[in-house]
Amino acid sequence: MLKSQNSKNKSRSESDKTKLSRGRVEIEADLCKECGLCVEACPAGVLRISQRLNKMGYHSVEYTGEGCTGCGICFYICPEPGTIKVYKNINESN
């Protein structure tokens, strides 16, 4: 019973992330040095350490693909210039 409750909570949080996708993150994996600052700082929790190694032998950070709010905190906290780019979605219906 506990397992099904956790899966319900997980699917609910995943749908909340989809609703909050107001931006997207692009990460230049070969520039990342796996410091993890962006992962810890992301309020939406949409960044994670990848299992793949980059050309320098580090596990780079990757974007989960949805849920980015476009806040840019990851961009500002990253010590490697040019590694992270954040794009805000523009609502053209206004």
N, C-alpha and C. Protein backbone atom coordinates (compact mmCIF):
# COMPACT_ATOMS: atom_id res chain seq x y z
N MET A 1 0.82 -1.19 0.00
CA MET A 1 0.00 0.00 0.00
C MET A 1 0.86 1.25 0.00
N LEU A 2 1.92 1.26 0.76
CA LEU A 2 2.80 2.41 0.82
C LEU A 2 3.45 2.69 -0.53
N LYS A 3 3.75 1.62 -1.26
CA LYS A 3 4.38 1.77 -2.57
C LYS A 3 3.47 2.53 -3.53
N SER A 4 2.18 2.20 -3.55
CA SER A 4 1.25 2.87 -4.47
C SER A 4 1.05 4.34 -4.09
N GLN A 5 1.10 4.65 -2.81
CA GLN A 5 0.97 6.05 -2.40
C GLN A 5 2.16 6.86 -2.89
N ASN A 6 3.36 6.29 -2.79
CA ASN A 6 4.56 6.98 -3.28
C ASN A 6 4.49 7.19 -4.78
N SER A 7 3.99 6.20 -5.53
CA SER A 7 3.91 6.36 -6.97
C SER A 7 2.89 7.42 -7.35
N LYS A 8 1.81 7.53 -6.56
CA LYS A 8 0.83 8.60 -6.81
C LYS A 8 1.47 9.96 -6.58
N ASN A 9 2.22 10.11 -5.49
CA ASN A 9 2.89 11.37 -5.20
C ASN A 9 3.92 11.69 -6.27
N LYS A 10 4.63 10.68 -6.75
CA LYS A 10 5.65 10.90 -7.77
C LYS A 10 5.00 11.39 -9.06
N SER A 11 3.91 10.75 -9.49
CA SER A 11 3.26 11.17 -10.73
C SER A 11 2.66 12.56 -10.59
N ARG A 12 2.19 12.90 -9.41
CA ARG A 12 1.65 14.23 -9.19
C ARG A 12 2.75 15.28 -9.31
N SER A 13 3.90 15.02 -8.72
CA SER A 13 5.00 15.98 -8.80
C SER A 13 5.52 16.09 -10.22
N GLU A 14 5.52 14.99 -10.99
CA GLU A 14 5.94 15.05 -12.39
C GLU A 14 4.99 15.90 -13.21
N SER A 15 3.67 15.79 -12.96
CA SER A 15 2.72 16.61 -13.71
C SER A 15 2.85 18.08 -13.30
N ASP A 16 3.18 18.34 -12.03
CA ASP A 16 3.41 19.72 -11.61
C ASP A 16 4.61 20.32 -12.34
N LYS A 17 5.66 19.53 -12.53
CA LYS A 17 6.83 20.01 -13.26
C LYS A 17 6.48 20.36 -14.69
N THR A 18 5.63 19.54 -15.33
CA THR A 18 5.23 19.81 -16.70
C THR A 18 4.49 21.13 -16.78
N LYS A 19 3.62 21.40 -15.83
CA LYS A 19 2.87 22.65 -15.82
C LYS A 19 3.79 23.85 -15.63
N LEU A 20 4.89 23.65 -14.91
CA LEU A 20 5.79 24.76 -14.61
C LEU A 20 6.88 24.96 -15.65
N SER A 21 6.88 24.22 -16.76
CA SER A 21 7.93 24.36 -17.77
C SER A 21 7.79 25.72 -18.45
N ARG A 22 8.48 26.69 -17.87
CA ARG A 22 8.47 28.04 -18.44
C ARG A 22 9.80 28.37 -19.08
N GLY A 23 10.66 27.38 -19.14
CA GLY A 23 11.98 27.58 -19.74
C GLY A 23 12.62 26.25 -20.04
N ARG A 24 13.86 26.33 -20.53
CA ARG A 24 14.62 25.13 -20.77
C ARG A 24 16.09 25.41 -20.55
N VAL A 25 16.85 24.37 -20.25
CA VAL A 25 18.27 24.49 -19.96
C VAL A 25 19.05 23.70 -21.00
N GLU A 26 20.13 24.31 -21.49
CA GLU A 26 21.06 23.60 -22.35
C GLU A 26 22.40 23.59 -21.64
N ILE A 27 23.02 22.42 -21.59
CA ILE A 27 24.29 22.26 -20.89
C ILE A 27 25.34 21.75 -21.86
N GLU A 28 26.44 22.45 -21.93
CA GLU A 28 27.59 22.02 -22.74
C GLU A 28 28.35 21.00 -21.90
N ALA A 29 28.05 19.72 -22.14
CA ALA A 29 28.54 18.64 -21.27
C ALA A 29 30.07 18.61 -21.18
N ASP A 30 30.76 18.91 -22.26
CA ASP A 30 32.22 18.82 -22.24
C ASP A 30 32.89 19.93 -21.43
N LEU A 31 32.15 20.95 -21.05
CA LEU A 31 32.70 22.02 -20.22
C LEU A 31 32.42 21.81 -18.73
N CYS A 32 31.49 20.92 -18.42
CA CYS A 32 31.08 20.68 -17.04
C CYS A 32 32.15 19.91 -16.28
N LYS A 33 32.40 20.33 -15.03
CA LYS A 33 33.39 19.68 -14.18
C LYS A 33 32.77 19.00 -12.96
N GLU A 34 31.49 18.70 -13.03
CA GLU A 34 30.79 17.90 -12.02
C GLU A 34 30.87 18.48 -10.61
N CYS A 35 30.87 19.79 -10.49
CA CYS A 35 30.92 20.37 -9.14
C CYS A 35 29.57 20.21 -8.43
N GLY A 36 28.47 20.13 -9.19
CA GLY A 36 27.15 19.90 -8.61
C GLY A 36 26.48 21.13 -8.04
N LEU A 37 27.09 22.30 -8.18
CA LEU A 37 26.48 23.52 -7.63
C LEU A 37 25.12 23.80 -8.25
N CYS A 38 25.00 23.62 -9.55
CA CYS A 38 23.73 23.90 -10.22
C CYS A 38 22.65 22.92 -9.79
N VAL A 39 23.02 21.66 -9.60
CA VAL A 39 22.07 20.64 -9.17
C VAL A 39 21.50 21.00 -7.80
N GLU A 40 22.37 21.39 -6.90
CA GLU A 40 21.94 21.76 -5.55
C GLU A 40 21.12 23.05 -5.53
N ALA A 41 21.44 23.98 -6.42
CA ALA A 41 20.80 25.30 -6.40
C ALA A 41 19.46 25.33 -7.13
N CYS A 42 19.21 24.37 -8.00
CA CYS A 42 17.99 24.40 -8.83
C CYS A 42 16.74 24.24 -7.97
N PRO A 43 15.90 25.28 -7.89
CA PRO A 43 14.70 25.19 -7.05
C PRO A 43 13.66 24.21 -7.61
N ALA A 44 13.68 23.98 -8.92
CA ALA A 44 12.71 23.06 -9.53
C ALA A 44 13.21 21.62 -9.50
N GLY A 45 14.49 21.42 -9.21
CA GLY A 45 15.05 20.07 -9.14
C GLY A 45 15.09 19.34 -10.46
N VAL A 46 15.36 20.06 -11.55
CA VAL A 46 15.33 19.46 -12.89
C VAL A 46 16.72 19.18 -13.47
N LEU A 47 17.75 19.31 -12.65
CA LEU A 47 19.11 19.00 -13.09
C LEU A 47 19.60 17.80 -12.28
N ARG A 48 20.42 16.98 -12.93
CA ARG A 48 20.99 15.82 -12.25
C ARG A 48 22.36 15.51 -12.85
N ILE A 49 23.15 14.76 -12.10
CA ILE A 49 24.46 14.33 -12.57
C ILE A 49 24.24 13.14 -13.51
N SER A 50 24.83 13.24 -14.70
CA SER A 50 24.70 12.20 -15.72
C SER A 50 25.56 10.99 -15.37
N GLN A 51 25.20 9.86 -15.91
CA GLN A 51 26.00 8.65 -15.76
C GLN A 51 27.14 8.61 -16.78
N ARG A 52 27.02 9.39 -17.85
CA ARG A 52 28.05 9.42 -18.90
C ARG A 52 29.19 10.34 -18.52
N LEU A 53 30.36 10.01 -18.99
CA LEU A 53 31.54 10.86 -18.78
C LEU A 53 31.72 11.80 -19.96
N ASN A 54 32.17 13.02 -19.67
CA ASN A 54 32.50 13.95 -20.75
C ASN A 54 33.94 13.73 -21.18
N LYS A 55 34.44 14.55 -22.12
CA LYS A 55 35.78 14.32 -22.66
C LYS A 55 36.89 14.54 -21.63
N MET A 56 36.57 15.21 -20.52
CA MET A 56 37.56 15.43 -19.46
C MET A 56 37.48 14.36 -18.36
N GLY A 57 36.54 13.43 -18.49
CA GLY A 57 36.41 12.36 -17.52
C GLY A 57 35.48 12.66 -16.36
N TYR A 58 34.69 13.72 -16.47
CA TYR A 58 33.73 14.08 -15.42
C TYR A 58 32.33 13.62 -15.82
N HIS A 59 31.52 13.34 -14.82
CA HIS A 59 30.09 13.11 -15.05
C HIS A 59 29.46 14.49 -15.14
N SER A 60 29.01 14.86 -16.32
CA SER A 60 28.44 16.19 -16.48
C SER A 60 27.01 16.23 -15.95
N VAL A 61 26.49 17.42 -15.86
CA VAL A 61 25.11 17.63 -15.43
C VAL A 61 24.21 17.54 -16.65
N GLU A 62 23.00 17.05 -16.43
CA GLU A 62 22.03 16.99 -17.53
C GLU A 62 20.68 17.52 -17.06
N TYR A 63 19.92 18.04 -18.00
CA TYR A 63 18.57 18.55 -17.77
C TYR A 63 17.60 17.38 -17.94
N THR A 64 16.65 17.24 -17.04
CA THR A 64 15.71 16.13 -17.11
C THR A 64 14.73 16.25 -18.27
N GLY A 65 14.60 17.43 -18.85
CA GLY A 65 13.77 17.59 -20.04
C GLY A 65 12.48 18.34 -19.84
N GLU A 66 12.08 18.54 -18.59
CA GLU A 66 10.86 19.30 -18.33
C GLU A 66 10.88 19.85 -16.91
N GLY A 67 10.11 20.90 -16.71
CA GLY A 67 9.97 21.47 -15.38
C GLY A 67 10.80 22.70 -15.11
N CYS A 68 11.61 23.13 -16.05
CA CYS A 68 12.44 24.32 -15.85
C CYS A 68 11.56 25.57 -15.75
N THR A 69 11.83 26.40 -14.77
CA THR A 69 11.07 27.64 -14.61
C THR A 69 11.74 28.82 -15.30
N GLY A 70 12.95 28.62 -15.78
CA GLY A 70 13.67 29.70 -16.46
C GLY A 70 14.25 30.73 -15.51
N CYS A 71 14.44 30.38 -14.25
CA CYS A 71 14.90 31.35 -13.26
C CYS A 71 16.36 31.76 -13.46
N GLY A 72 17.19 30.86 -14.01
CA GLY A 72 18.58 31.20 -14.30
C GLY A 72 19.55 31.01 -13.15
N ILE A 73 19.11 30.48 -12.03
CA ILE A 73 20.00 30.29 -10.89
C ILE A 73 21.17 29.39 -11.26
N CYS A 74 20.90 28.33 -12.02
CA CYS A 74 21.97 27.41 -12.43
C CYS A 74 23.03 28.14 -13.26
N PHE A 75 22.59 29.02 -14.13
CA PHE A 75 23.50 29.80 -14.98
C PHE A 75 24.42 30.67 -14.12
N TYR A 76 23.85 31.35 -13.15
CA TYR A 76 24.63 32.28 -12.32
C TYR A 76 25.56 31.58 -11.34
N ILE A 77 25.20 30.39 -10.89
CA ILE A 77 26.02 29.71 -9.89
C ILE A 77 27.15 28.89 -10.52
N CYS A 78 27.04 28.57 -11.79
CA CYS A 78 28.04 27.73 -12.46
C CYS A 78 29.37 28.47 -12.58
N PRO A 79 30.47 27.87 -12.09
CA PRO A 79 31.77 28.52 -12.15
C PRO A 79 32.45 28.43 -13.52
N GLU A 80 31.89 27.64 -14.43
CA GLU A 80 32.47 27.48 -15.76
C GLU A 80 31.69 28.28 -16.79
N PRO A 81 32.23 29.42 -17.26
CA PRO A 81 31.52 30.25 -18.23
C PRO A 81 31.16 29.49 -19.50
N GLY A 82 29.94 29.67 -19.94
CA GLY A 82 29.47 29.06 -21.18
C GLY A 82 28.95 27.65 -21.05
N THR A 83 28.98 27.09 -19.86
CA THR A 83 28.53 25.70 -19.69
C THR A 83 27.01 25.60 -19.71
N ILE A 84 26.34 26.53 -19.07
CA ILE A 84 24.87 26.46 -18.94
C ILE A 84 24.23 27.66 -19.63
N LYS A 85 23.20 27.35 -20.43
CA LYS A 85 22.37 28.38 -21.05
C LYS A 85 20.93 28.12 -20.63
N VAL A 86 20.25 29.19 -20.26
CA VAL A 86 18.85 29.08 -19.84
C VAL A 86 18.01 29.92 -20.79
N TYR A 87 16.95 29.32 -21.30
CA TYR A 87 16.04 30.00 -22.21
C TYR A 87 14.66 30.06 -21.59
N LYS A 88 14.03 31.22 -21.63
CA LYS A 88 12.67 31.38 -21.12
C LYS A 88 11.71 31.20 -22.28
N ASN A 89 10.62 30.48 -22.02
CA ASN A 89 9.57 30.34 -23.02
C ASN A 89 8.77 31.63 -23.07
N ILE A 90 8.47 32.06 -24.27
CA ILE A 90 7.69 33.28 -24.45
C ILE A 90 6.27 32.90 -24.82
N ASN A 91 5.32 33.41 -24.06
CA ASN A 91 3.91 33.14 -24.33
C ASN A 91 3.44 34.14 -25.38
N GLU A 92 3.23 33.67 -26.58
CA GLU A 92 2.87 34.55 -27.69
C GLU A 92 1.39 34.85 -27.76
N SER A 93 0.59 34.28 -26.86
CA SER A 93 -0.85 34.51 -26.87
C SER A 93 -1.23 35.86 -26.28
N ASN A 94 -0.28 36.56 -25.64
CA ASN A 94 -0.58 37.87 -25.04
C ASN A 94 -0.50 38.97 -26.03
